[in-house]
Amino acid sequence: MNPTFTLLIVDDEKQNRALLTELLQAEYRIILAKDGRQALERAREHTPDLILLDVLLPVMDGYTVIRELKNDDKTRNIPVIFITALDSAGDEERGLELGAVDYVSKPFTPAIVRVRIRNHLQSVHQRRLLEQMAMLDSLTGIPNRRRFNEVLEQEWRRCMRDNAPLSLIVVDVDHFKAFNDCYGHAAGDEVLRRIASTLQTSVRRPGDFVARYGGEEFVLLLPGIDREGAQLLAEHTRADIEAEHIPHAVSDAAPWITISLGGATLIPQESTAIADLFCLADTWLYEAKHTGRNRVAWAPTDACSASIACE
């Protein structure tokens, strides 16, 4: 089991906390809480992978704690195991109905508790792997359109709060259908993988985001970068792809693989729709392709200040 998993142990008895810590600290990172309010604070601060929760707690009992956890977007998916002296069938039923994944009565058998925890964390690990796979493009290994939509919404809200610019670049591989027809789909797939790798290298800040939007289209999301900075990055990216000199004998843009890029920058406002940013960037991608390809076209400042309706 992964030793980086974090467990939050919640029990008002110091002896019980010490017992569970001694049992589990060799395998996991341990955080402790001695009452319900402290448990909620530490769950929100550390987002543990699993919570071991007593029912009989001062300030706020375990049943109330799990209700609060399930009502908070940040903590609702953290699995909870009740470990408590309340051992009736009714108590166990209530705990499970409130969303606990397991219910262990005290006194417990250490070896059994250890195995149950390991099994639940294995489920957590597998679920996370599946979630990650669902957010990745299977061909290129970079985030997919679904993940892009999630990140775009998150960054839109954050930039709105901070009154910060949000820049988007939409990338299209020039004459890609002709390339596939000439060189074959296997060669086309390799081109998409190489472009994805180059795009990821072109962004250097932790907050910058690259995804495959679909087909031969990619997107770069650049929170906090103004129009001039984003446009400069787009031009460097275009040049990096061209410098790969991947042969493309049937392109009228260049004798090798090139890309066209359309970009837009907005400071998100309540009066502006999230879709406007993509519509603007996509419109200027069309402009780049229409005026010769292998170039960057960027929405002017006055266009970015207006609300653009998607067709």
C-alpha atoms as a PDB file:
ATOM      1  CA  MET A   1       0.000   0.000   0.000  1.00  0.00           C
ATOM      2  CA  ASN A   2       1.163   3.498  -0.816  1.00  0.00           C
ATOM      3  CA  PRO A   3       2.908   4.979   2.282  1.00  0.00           C
ATOM      4  CA  THR A   4       1.896   8.498   1.266  1.00  0.00           C
ATOM      5  CA  PHE A   5      -1.771   7.932   2.167  1.00  0.00           C
ATOM      6  CA  THR A   6      -2.946  10.225   4.960  1.00  0.00           C
ATOM      7  CA  LEU A   7      -5.276   9.085   7.743  1.00  0.00           C
ATOM      8  CA  LEU A   8      -7.180  11.363  10.107  1.00  0.00           C
ATOM      9  CA  ILE A   9      -7.828   9.676  13.475  1.00  0.00           C
ATOM     10  CA  VAL A  10     -10.601  11.293  15.523  1.00  0.00           C
ATOM     11  CA  ASP A  11     -11.033  10.139  19.122  1.00  0.00           C
ATOM     12  CA  ASP A  12     -11.391  12.062  22.387  1.00  0.00           C
ATOM     13  CA  GLU A  13      -9.461   9.422  24.348  1.00  0.00           C
ATOM     14  CA  LYS A  14      -5.704   9.970  24.220  1.00  0.00           C
ATOM     15  CA  GLN A  15      -5.076   6.255  24.761  1.00  0.00           C
ATOM     16  CA  ASN A  16      -7.193   5.316  21.740  1.00  0.00           C
ATOM     17  CA  ARG A  17      -5.428   7.852  19.538  1.00  0.00           C
ATOM     18  CA  ALA A  18      -2.078   6.496  20.662  1.00  0.00           C
ATOM     19  CA  LEU A  19      -3.133   2.897  20.007  1.00  0.00           C
ATOM     20  CA  LEU A  20      -4.314   3.599  16.459  1.00  0.00           C
ATOM     21  CA  THR A  21      -1.258   5.738  15.738  1.00  0.00           C
ATOM     22  CA  GLU A  22       1.087   2.979  16.872  1.00  0.00           C
ATOM     23  CA  LEU A  23      -0.838   0.469  14.763  1.00  0.00           C
ATOM     24  CA  LEU A  24      -0.803   2.522  11.550  1.00  0.00           C
ATOM     25  CA  GLN A  25       2.050   5.028  11.527  1.00  0.00           C
ATOM     26  CA  ALA A  26       4.505   2.659   9.833  1.00  0.00           C
ATOM     27  CA  GLU A  27       2.299   2.572   6.717  1.00  0.00           C
ATOM     28  CA  TYR A  28       0.563   5.957   6.645  1.00  0.00           C
ATOM     29  CA  ARG A  29       0.884   9.613   7.499  1.00  0.00           C
ATOM     30  CA  ILE A  30      -1.226  10.218  10.602  1.00  0.00           C
ATOM     31  CA  ILE A  31      -3.180  13.344  11.602  1.00  0.00           C
ATOM     32  CA  LEU A  32      -4.992  13.474  14.950  1.00  0.00           C
ATOM     33  CA  ALA A  33      -8.109  15.249  16.228  1.00  0.00           C
ATOM     34  CA  LYS A  34      -9.708  15.012  19.664  1.00  0.00           C
ATOM     35  CA  ASP A  35     -13.179  16.423  19.022  1.00  0.00           C
ATOM     36  CA  GLY A  36     -15.664  16.922  16.203  1.00  0.00           C
ATOM     37  CA  ARG A  37     -14.924  20.555  15.467  1.00  0.00           C
ATOM     38  CA  GLN A  38     -11.200  19.894  15.291  1.00  0.00           C
ATOM     39  CA  ALA A  39     -11.906  16.921  13.017  1.00  0.00           C
ATOM     40  CA  LEU A  40     -13.735  19.137  10.514  1.00  0.00           C
ATOM     41  CA  GLU A  41     -10.998  21.761  10.562  1.00  0.00           C
ATOM     42  CA  ARG A  42      -8.262  19.208   9.902  1.00  0.00           C
ATOM     43  CA  ALA A  43     -10.259  17.364   7.258  1.00  0.00           C
ATOM     44  CA  ARG A  44     -10.717  20.617   5.328  1.00  0.00           C
ATOM     45  CA  GLU A  45      -7.086  21.631   5.787  1.00  0.00           C
ATOM     46  CA  HIS A  46      -5.391  18.318   4.944  1.00  0.00           C
ATOM     47  CA  THR A  47      -8.012  16.429   2.846  1.00  0.00           C
ATOM     48  CA  PRO A  48      -6.986  13.006   4.218  1.00  0.00           C
ATOM     49  CA  ASP A  49      -7.483   9.835   2.209  1.00  0.00           C
ATOM     50  CA  LEU A  50      -9.455   8.150   5.011  1.00  0.00           C
ATOM     51  CA  ILE A  51     -10.989   9.222   8.331  1.00  0.00           C
ATOM     52  CA  LEU A  52     -11.256   6.953  11.378  1.00  0.00           C
ATOM     53  CA  LEU A  53     -14.048   8.531  13.403  1.00  0.00           C
ATOM     54  CA  ASP A  54     -15.403   7.868  16.878  1.00  0.00           C
ATOM     55  CA  VAL A  55     -19.108   8.507  17.485  1.00  0.00           C
ATOM     56  CA  LEU A  56     -18.913   9.642  21.127  1.00  0.00           C
ATOM     57  CA  LEU A  57     -17.075  12.957  20.899  1.00  0.00           C
ATOM     58  CA  PRO A  58     -17.239  16.236  22.814  1.00  0.00           C
ATOM     59  CA  VAL A  59     -18.469  19.428  21.130  1.00  0.00           C
ATOM     60  CA  MET A  60     -19.892  17.555  18.127  1.00  0.00           C
ATOM     61  CA  ASP A  61     -20.582  13.832  17.882  1.00  0.00           C
ATOM     62  CA  GLY A  62     -19.397  11.612  15.054  1.00  0.00           C
ATOM     63  CA  TYR A  63     -22.785  11.445  13.356  1.00  0.00           C
ATOM     64  CA  THR A  64     -22.880  15.240  13.133  1.00  0.00           C
ATOM     65  CA  VAL A  65     -19.287  15.293  11.890  1.00  0.00           C
ATOM     66  CA  ILE A  66     -20.004  12.929   9.007  1.00  0.00           C
ATOM     67  CA  ARG A  67     -23.081  14.973   8.030  1.00  0.00           C
ATOM     68  CA  GLU A  68     -20.897  18.091   7.873  1.00  0.00           C
ATOM     69  CA  LEU A  69     -18.250  16.250   5.870  1.00  0.00           C
ATOM     70  CA  LYS A  70     -20.817  15.057   3.332  1.00  0.00           C
ATOM     71  CA  ASN A  71     -22.254  18.580   2.968  1.00  0.00           C
ATOM     72  CA  ASP A  72     -18.877  20.089   2.042  1.00  0.00           C
ATOM     73  CA  ASP A  73     -17.660  19.750  -1.561  1.00  0.00           C
ATOM     74  CA  LYS A  74     -14.061  19.542  -0.372  1.00  0.00           C
ATOM     75  CA  THR A  75     -14.610  16.624   2.041  1.00  0.00           C
ATOM     76  CA  ARG A  76     -17.697  14.758   0.868  1.00  0.00           C
ATOM     77  CA  ASN A  77     -15.727  12.094  -1.009  1.00  0.00           C
ATOM     78  CA  ILE A  78     -13.354  11.250   1.853  1.00  0.00           C
ATOM     79  CA  PRO A  79     -14.256   7.729   3.082  1.00  0.00           C
ATOM     80  CA  VAL A  80     -15.112   7.454   6.789  1.00  0.00           C
ATOM     81  CA  ILE A  81     -14.791   4.402   9.016  1.00  0.00           C
ATOM     82  CA  PHE A  82     -16.549   4.597  12.370  1.00  0.00           C
ATOM     83  CA  ILE A  83     -14.520   3.048  15.190  1.00  0.00           C
ATOM     84  CA  THR A  84     -16.684   3.272  18.284  1.00  0.00           C
ATOM     85  CA  ALA A  85     -17.883   1.615  21.477  1.00  0.00           C
ATOM     86  CA  LEU A  86     -21.480   1.863  20.233  1.00  0.00           C
ATOM     87  CA  ASP A  87     -21.960  -1.695  19.033  1.00  0.00           C
ATOM     88  CA  SER A  88     -25.696  -2.180  18.494  1.00  0.00           C
ATOM     89  CA  ALA A  89     -27.110  -3.049  15.077  1.00  0.00           C
ATOM     90  CA  GLY A  90     -29.084   0.205  15.140  1.00  0.00           C
ATOM     91  CA  ASP A  91     -25.941   2.274  15.718  1.00  0.00           C
ATOM     92  CA  GLU A  92     -24.141   0.515  12.884  1.00  0.00           C
ATOM     93  CA  GLU A  93     -27.112   0.967  10.536  1.00  0.00           C
ATOM     94  CA  ARG A  94     -27.273   4.677  11.344  1.00  0.00           C
ATOM     95  CA  GLY A  95     -23.556   5.143  10.687  1.00  0.00           C
ATOM     96  CA  LEU A  96     -23.693   3.371   7.342  1.00  0.00           C
ATOM     97  CA  GLU A  97     -26.833   5.248   6.281  1.00  0.00           C
ATOM     98  CA  LEU A  98     -25.010   8.520   6.949  1.00  0.00           C
ATOM     99  CA  GLY A  99     -22.341   7.494   4.433  1.00  0.00           C
ATOM    100  CA  ALA A 100     -19.645   5.630   6.377  1.00  0.00           C
ATOM    101  CA  VAL A 101     -17.877   2.941   4.354  1.00  0.00           C
ATOM    102  CA  ASP A 102     -17.365   0.696   7.396  1.00  0.00           C
ATOM    103  CA  TYR A 103     -18.261   0.384  11.076  1.00  0.00           C
ATOM    104  CA  VAL A 104     -15.878  -1.172  13.614  1.00  0.00           C
ATOM    105  CA  SER A 105     -16.871  -1.794  17.214  1.00  0.00           C
ATOM    106  CA  LYS A 106     -14.505  -1.370  20.152  1.00  0.00           C
ATOM    107  CA  PRO A 107     -12.660  -3.241  21.428  1.00  0.00           C
ATOM    108  CA  PHE A 108     -11.302  -4.083  17.977  1.00  0.00           C
ATOM    109  CA  THR A 109      -8.790  -6.611  16.697  1.00  0.00           C
ATOM    110  CA  PRO A 110      -5.748  -4.644  15.425  1.00  0.00           C
ATOM    111  CA  ALA A 111      -4.950  -7.006  12.538  1.00  0.00           C
ATOM    112  CA  ILE A 112      -8.532  -6.840  11.234  1.00  0.00           C
ATOM    113  CA  VAL A 113      -8.623  -3.048  11.461  1.00  0.00           C
ATOM    114  CA  ARG A 114      -5.358  -2.845   9.538  1.00  0.00           C
ATOM    115  CA  VAL A 115      -6.700  -5.082   6.751  1.00  0.00           C
ATOM    116  CA  ARG A 116      -9.983  -3.173   6.507  1.00  0.00           C
ATOM    117  CA  ILE A 117      -8.132   0.116   6.215  1.00  0.00           C
ATOM    118  CA  ARG A 118      -5.822  -1.321   3.554  1.00  0.00           C
ATOM    119  CA  ASN A 119      -8.792  -2.611   1.549  1.00  0.00           C
ATOM    120  CA  HIS A 120     -10.611   0.722   1.650  1.00  0.00           C
ATOM    121  CA  LEU A 121      -7.495   2.634   0.637  1.00  0.00           C
ATOM    122  CA  GLN A 122      -6.949   0.231  -2.239  1.00  0.00           C
ATOM    123  CA  SER A 123     -10.438   1.149  -3.436  1.00  0.00           C
ATOM    124  CA  VAL A 124      -9.562   4.835  -3.099  1.00  0.00           C
ATOM    125  CA  HIS A 125      -6.410   4.274  -5.156  1.00  0.00           C
ATOM    126  CA  GLN A 126      -8.256   2.386  -7.900  1.00  0.00           C
ATOM    127  CA  ARG A 127     -11.018   4.987  -8.093  1.00  0.00           C
ATOM    128  CA  ARG A 128      -8.494   7.780  -8.469  1.00  0.00           C
ATOM    129  CA  LEU A 129      -6.694   5.909 -11.240  1.00  0.00           C
ATOM    130  CA  LEU A 130      -9.982   5.501 -13.111  1.00  0.00           C
ATOM    131  CA  GLU A 131     -10.810   9.186 -12.622  1.00  0.00           C
ATOM    132  CA  GLN A 132      -7.398  10.190 -13.947  1.00  0.00           C
ATOM    133  CA  MET A 133      -7.746   7.915 -16.965  1.00  0.00           C
ATOM    134  CA  ALA A 134     -11.155   9.413 -17.742  1.00  0.00           C
ATOM    135  CA  MET A 135      -9.527  12.854 -17.888  1.00  0.00           C
ATOM    136  CA  LEU A 136      -6.651  11.894 -20.201  1.00  0.00           C
ATOM    137  CA  ASP A 137      -6.506  11.577 -23.963  1.00  0.00           C
ATOM    138  CA  SER A 138      -5.627   7.966 -24.706  1.00  0.00           C
ATOM    139  CA  LEU A 139      -3.458   8.763 -27.743  1.00  0.00           C
ATOM    140  CA  THR A 140      -1.296  11.620 -26.464  1.00  0.00           C
ATOM    141  CA  GLY A 141      -1.464  11.107 -22.706  1.00  0.00           C
ATOM    142  CA  ILE A 142      -2.302  14.772 -22.056  1.00  0.00           C
ATOM    143  CA  PRO A 143      -5.613  16.019 -20.586  1.00  0.00           C
ATOM    144  CA  ASN A 144      -8.687  15.656 -22.781  1.00  0.00           C
ATOM    145  CA  ARG A 145     -11.581  17.961 -23.646  1.00  0.00           C
ATOM    146  CA  ARG A 146     -13.573  16.925 -20.584  1.00  0.00           C
ATOM    147  CA  ARG A 147     -10.718  17.920 -18.291  1.00  0.00           C
ATOM    148  CA  PHE A 148     -10.196  21.154 -20.226  1.00  0.00           C
ATOM    149  CA  ASN A 149     -13.814  22.147 -19.648  1.00  0.00           C
ATOM    150  CA  GLU A 150     -13.404  21.593 -15.906  1.00  0.00           C
ATOM    151  CA  VAL A 151     -10.166  23.567 -15.694  1.00  0.00           C
ATOM    152  CA  LEU A 152     -11.569  26.381 -17.830  1.00  0.00           C
ATOM    153  CA  GLU A 153     -14.508  26.781 -15.442  1.00  0.00           C
ATOM    154  CA  GLN A 154     -12.213  26.769 -12.396  1.00  0.00           C
ATOM    155  CA  GLU A 155      -9.791  29.301 -13.855  1.00  0.00           C
ATOM    156  CA  TRP A 156     -12.617  31.498 -15.139  1.00  0.00           C
ATOM    157  CA  ARG A 157     -14.025  31.806 -11.625  1.00  0.00           C
ATOM    158  CA  ARG A 158     -10.609  32.408 -10.074  1.00  0.00           C
ATOM    159  CA  CYS A 159      -9.674  35.095 -12.597  1.00  0.00           C
ATOM    160  CA  MET A 160     -13.076  36.727 -12.083  1.00  0.00           C
ATOM    161  CA  ARG A 161     -12.421  36.917  -8.333  1.00  0.00           C
ATOM    162  CA  ASP A 162      -8.920  38.306  -8.874  1.00  0.00           C
ATOM    163  CA  ASN A 163      -9.858  40.591 -11.782  1.00  0.00           C
ATOM    164  CA  ALA A 164      -7.056  38.880 -13.705  1.00  0.00           C
ATOM    165  CA  PRO A 165      -6.707  38.144 -17.437  1.00  0.00           C
ATOM    166  CA  LEU A 166      -7.352  34.675 -18.823  1.00  0.00           C
ATOM    167  CA  SER A 167      -5.830  33.792 -22.196  1.00  0.00           C
ATOM    168  CA  LEU A 168      -6.752  30.876 -24.442  1.00  0.00           C
ATOM    169  CA  ILE A 169      -4.962  29.556 -27.519  1.00  0.00           C
ATOM    170  CA  VAL A 170      -6.662  27.122 -29.911  1.00  0.00           C
ATOM    171  CA  VAL A 171      -4.212  25.144 -32.063  1.00  0.00           C
ATOM    172  CA  ASP A 172      -4.914  23.296 -35.305  1.00  0.00           C
ATOM    173  CA  VAL A 173      -2.447  21.119 -37.260  1.00  0.00           C
ATOM    174  CA  ASP A 174      -2.240  22.438 -40.806  1.00  0.00           C
ATOM    175  CA  HIS A 175      -3.537  20.103 -43.532  1.00  0.00           C
ATOM    176  CA  PHE A 176      -3.614  17.151 -41.182  1.00  0.00           C
ATOM    177  CA  LYS A 177      -6.136  15.156 -43.214  1.00  0.00           C
ATOM    178  CA  ALA A 178      -3.852  15.418 -46.221  1.00  0.00           C
ATOM    179  CA  PHE A 179      -0.944  14.250 -44.072  1.00  0.00           C
ATOM    180  CA  ASN A 180      -2.898  11.162 -42.973  1.00  0.00           C
ATOM    181  CA  ASP A 181      -3.885  10.414 -46.537  1.00  0.00           C
ATOM    182  CA  CYS A 182      -0.276  10.653 -47.678  1.00  0.00           C
ATOM    183  CA  TYR A 183       1.665   9.080 -44.795  1.00  0.00           C
ATOM    184  CA  GLY A 184      -0.963   6.932 -43.072  1.00  0.00           C
ATOM    185  CA  HIS A 185      -2.812   7.161 -39.767  1.00  0.00           C
ATOM    186  CA  ALA A 186       0.000   5.596 -37.740  1.00  0.00           C
ATOM    187  CA  ALA A 187       2.306   8.426 -38.810  1.00  0.00           C
ATOM    188  CA  GLY A 188      -0.495  10.895 -38.062  1.00  0.00           C
ATOM    189  CA  ASP A 189      -0.872   9.520 -34.551  1.00  0.00           C
ATOM    190  CA  GLU A 190       2.867   9.944 -33.972  1.00  0.00           C
ATOM    191  CA  VAL A 191       2.645  13.556 -35.157  1.00  0.00           C
ATOM    192  CA  LEU A 192      -0.129  14.269 -32.648  1.00  0.00           C
ATOM    193  CA  ARG A 193       1.943  12.748 -29.859  1.00  0.00           C
ATOM    194  CA  ARG A 194       4.972  14.862 -30.791  1.00  0.00           C
ATOM    195  CA  ILE A 195       2.894  18.022 -30.990  1.00  0.00           C
ATOM    196  CA  ALA A 196       1.317  17.310 -27.598  1.00  0.00           C
ATOM    197  CA  SER A 197       4.797  16.881 -26.110  1.00  0.00           C
ATOM    198  CA  THR A 198       6.057  20.118 -27.652  1.00  0.00           C
ATOM    199  CA  LEU A 199       3.013  22.062 -26.470  1.00  0.00           C
ATOM    200  CA  GLN A 200       3.538  20.822 -22.926  1.00  0.00           C
ATOM    201  CA  THR A 201       7.170  21.936 -23.082  1.00  0.00           C
ATOM    202  CA  SER A 202       6.155  25.380 -24.332  1.00  0.00           C
ATOM    203  CA  VAL A 203       4.245  26.241 -21.142  1.00  0.00           C
ATOM    204  CA  ARG A 204       6.401  26.611 -18.072  1.00  0.00           C
ATOM    205  CA  ARG A 205       4.219  27.966 -15.268  1.00  0.00           C
ATOM    206  CA  PRO A 206       2.466  25.449 -12.982  1.00  0.00           C
ATOM    207  CA  GLY A 207      -0.937  27.016 -13.681  1.00  0.00           C
ATOM    208  CA  ASP A 208      -0.692  26.803 -17.472  1.00  0.00           C
ATOM    209  CA  PHE A 209      -2.720  24.005 -19.018  1.00  0.00           C
ATOM    210  CA  VAL A 210      -2.522  22.031 -22.277  1.00  0.00           C
ATOM    211  CA  ALA A 211      -5.166  19.616 -23.577  1.00  0.00           C
ATOM    212  CA  ARG A 212      -6.178  17.819 -26.733  1.00  0.00           C
ATOM    213  CA  TYR A 213      -9.537  19.282 -27.680  1.00  0.00           C
ATOM    214  CA  GLY A 214     -10.324  16.696 -30.336  1.00  0.00           C
ATOM    215  CA  GLY A 215      -8.988  15.456 -33.666  1.00  0.00           C
ATOM    216  CA  GLU A 216      -5.996  17.614 -34.587  1.00  0.00           C
ATOM    217  CA  GLU A 217      -7.018  20.494 -32.291  1.00  0.00           C
ATOM    218  CA  PHE A 218      -5.297  21.403 -29.030  1.00  0.00           C
ATOM    219  CA  VAL A 219      -5.881  24.144 -26.468  1.00  0.00           C
ATOM    220  CA  LEU A 220      -3.570  26.099 -24.179  1.00  0.00           C
ATOM    221  CA  LEU A 221      -5.140  27.852 -21.201  1.00  0.00           C
ATOM    222  CA  LEU A 222      -3.021  30.592 -19.622  1.00  0.00           C
ATOM    223  CA  PRO A 223      -4.462  32.142 -16.451  1.00  0.00           C
ATOM    224  CA  GLY A 224      -3.021  35.467 -15.384  1.00  0.00           C
ATOM    225  CA  ILE A 225      -1.210  36.104 -18.695  1.00  0.00           C
ATOM    226  CA  ASP A 226      -2.123  39.272 -20.575  1.00  0.00           C
ATOM    227  CA  ARG A 227      -2.669  39.539 -24.321  1.00  0.00           C
ATOM    228  CA  GLU A 228       0.913  40.469 -25.168  1.00  0.00           C
ATOM    229  CA  GLY A 229       2.477  37.709 -23.083  1.00  0.00           C
ATOM    230  CA  ALA A 230       0.104  35.054 -24.383  1.00  0.00           C
ATOM    231  CA  GLN A 231       0.578  36.128 -27.989  1.00  0.00           C
ATOM    232  CA  LEU A 232       4.362  35.916 -27.572  1.00  0.00           C
ATOM    233  CA  LEU A 233       4.072  32.408 -26.120  1.00  0.00           C
ATOM    234  CA  ALA A 234       1.839  31.389 -29.022  1.00  0.00           C
ATOM    235  CA  GLU A 235       4.417  32.578 -31.548  1.00  0.00           C
ATOM    236  CA  HIS A 236       7.205  30.698 -29.749  1.00  0.00           C
ATOM    237  CA  THR A 237       5.023  27.581 -29.759  1.00  0.00           C
ATOM    238  CA  ARG A 238       4.357  27.898 -33.485  1.00  0.00           C
ATOM    239  CA  ALA A 239       8.080  28.249 -34.139  1.00  0.00           C
ATOM    240  CA  ASP A 240       8.905  25.250 -31.929  1.00  0.00           C
ATOM    241  CA  ILE A 241       6.559  23.007 -33.922  1.00  0.00           C
ATOM    242  CA  GLU A 242       7.942  24.228 -37.239  1.00  0.00           C
ATOM    243  CA  ALA A 243      11.497  23.648 -35.986  1.00  0.00           C
ATOM    244  CA  GLU A 244      10.713  19.938 -35.558  1.00  0.00           C
ATOM    245  CA  HIS A 245      10.857  19.717 -39.396  1.00  0.00           C
ATOM    246  CA  ILE A 246       8.463  16.760 -39.589  1.00  0.00           C
ATOM    247  CA  PRO A 247       8.111  16.184 -43.358  1.00  0.00           C
ATOM    248  CA  HIS A 248       4.742  17.135 -44.880  1.00  0.00           C
ATOM    249  CA  ALA A 249       5.100  16.970 -48.658  1.00  0.00           C
ATOM    250  CA  VAL A 250       1.426  17.735 -49.384  1.00  0.00           C
ATOM    251  CA  SER A 251       1.126  20.935 -47.329  1.00  0.00           C
ATOM    252  CA  ASP A 252       0.972  24.306 -49.038  1.00  0.00           C
ATOM    253  CA  ALA A 253       1.964  26.050 -45.785  1.00  0.00           C
ATOM    254  CA  ALA A 254       5.476  24.578 -45.549  1.00  0.00           C
ATOM    255  CA  PRO A 255       7.340  21.375 -46.505  1.00  0.00           C
ATOM    256  CA  TRP A 256       6.924  20.150 -42.933  1.00  0.00           C
ATOM    257  CA  ILE A 257       4.284  19.997 -40.217  1.00  0.00           C
ATOM    258  CA  THR A 258       3.073  23.416 -39.057  1.00  0.00           C
ATOM    259  CA  ILE A 259       0.282  24.692 -36.846  1.00  0.00           C
ATOM    260  CA  SER A 260      -2.135  27.588 -36.932  1.00  0.00           C
ATOM    261  CA  LEU A 261      -3.082  29.291 -33.677  1.00  0.00           C
ATOM    262  CA  GLY A 262      -5.961  31.547 -32.686  1.00  0.00           C
ATOM    263  CA  GLY A 263      -5.991  33.321 -29.371  1.00  0.00           C
ATOM    264  CA  ALA A 264      -8.037  35.575 -27.146  1.00  0.00           C
ATOM    265  CA  THR A 265      -7.652  37.232 -23.763  1.00  0.00           C
ATOM    266  CA  LEU A 266     -10.483  38.246 -21.457  1.00  0.00           C
ATOM    267  CA  ILE A 267     -10.808  39.503 -17.930  1.00  0.00           C
ATOM    268  CA  PRO A 268     -13.803  37.389 -16.881  1.00  0.00           C
ATOM    269  CA  GLN A 269     -16.863  39.364 -15.812  1.00  0.00           C
ATOM    270  CA  GLU A 270     -20.330  38.439 -14.602  1.00  0.00           C
ATOM    271  CA  SER A 271     -21.712  39.816 -17.859  1.00  0.00           C
ATOM    272  CA  THR A 272     -19.480  37.552 -19.980  1.00  0.00           C
ATOM    273  CA  ALA A 273     -20.096  33.866 -20.677  1.00  0.00           C
ATOM    274  CA  ILE A 274     -17.320  31.298 -20.370  1.00  0.00           C
ATOM    275  CA  ALA A 275     -18.060  30.165 -23.925  1.00  0.00           C
ATOM    276  CA  ASP A 276     -17.150  33.621 -25.228  1.00  0.00           C
ATOM    277  CA  LEU A 277     -13.445  33.019 -24.646  1.00  0.00           C
ATOM    278  CA  PHE A 278     -13.386  29.841 -26.710  1.00  0.00           C
ATOM    279  CA  CYS A 279     -15.557  31.385 -29.424  1.00  0.00           C
ATOM    280  CA  LEU A 280     -13.161  34.307 -29.768  1.00  0.00           C
ATOM    281  CA  ALA A 281     -10.058  32.125 -29.910  1.00  0.00           C
ATOM    282  CA  ASP A 282     -11.707  29.751 -32.387  1.00  0.00           C
ATOM    283  CA  THR A 283     -12.789  32.652 -34.585  1.00  0.00           C
ATOM    284  CA  TRP A 284      -9.217  33.898 -34.760  1.00  0.00           C
ATOM    285  CA  LEU A 285      -7.936  30.393 -35.422  1.00  0.00           C
ATOM    286  CA  TYR A 286     -10.128  30.462 -38.536  1.00  0.00           C
ATOM    287  CA  GLU A 287      -8.547  33.805 -39.425  1.00  0.00           C
ATOM    288  CA  ALA A 288      -5.046  32.312 -39.097  1.00  0.00           C
ATOM    289  CA  LYS A 289      -6.008  29.421 -41.373  1.00  0.00           C
ATOM    290  CA  HIS A 290      -7.834  31.665 -43.858  1.00  0.00           C
ATOM    291  CA  THR A 291      -4.850  34.008 -44.236  1.00  0.00           C
ATOM    292  CA  GLY A 292      -2.272  31.338 -45.042  1.00  0.00           C
ATOM    293  CA  ARG A 293      -1.798  29.033 -42.012  1.00  0.00           C
ATOM    294  CA  ASN A 294       1.416  28.530 -40.008  1.00  0.00           C
ATOM    295  CA  ARG A 295       0.707  31.732 -38.113  1.00  0.00           C
ATOM    296  CA  VAL A 296      -0.839  33.254 -34.990  1.00  0.00           C
ATOM    297  CA  ALA A 297      -3.971  35.404 -35.125  1.00  0.00           C
ATOM    298  CA  TRP A 298      -5.229  37.135 -31.987  1.00  0.00           C
ATOM    299  CA  ALA A 299      -8.502  38.754 -31.051  1.00  0.00           C
ATOM    300  CA  PRO A 300      -8.094  42.528 -30.696  1.00  0.00           C
ATOM    301  CA  THR A 301      -8.725  44.183 -27.344  1.00  0.00           C
ATOM    302  CA  ASP A 302     -12.019  45.732 -28.445  1.00  0.00           C
ATOM    303  CA  ALA A 303     -13.345  42.312 -29.535  1.00  0.00           C
ATOM    304  CA  CYS A 304     -12.417  40.861 -26.155  1.00  0.00           C
ATOM    305  CA  SER A 305     -14.403  43.520 -24.349  1.00  0.00           C
ATOM    306  CA  ALA A 306     -17.619  42.530 -26.076  1.00  0.00           C
ATOM    307  CA  SER A 307     -19.804  39.501 -25.477  1.00  0.00           C
ATOM    308  CA  ILE A 308     -19.550  37.091 -28.405  1.00  0.00           C
ATOM    309  CA  ALA A 309     -22.405  34.665 -29.009  1.00  0.00           C
ATOM    310  CA  CYS A 310     -21.471  31.135 -30.070  1.00  0.00           C
ATOM    311  CA  GLU A 311     -23.173  29.987 -33.209  1.00  0.00           C
END
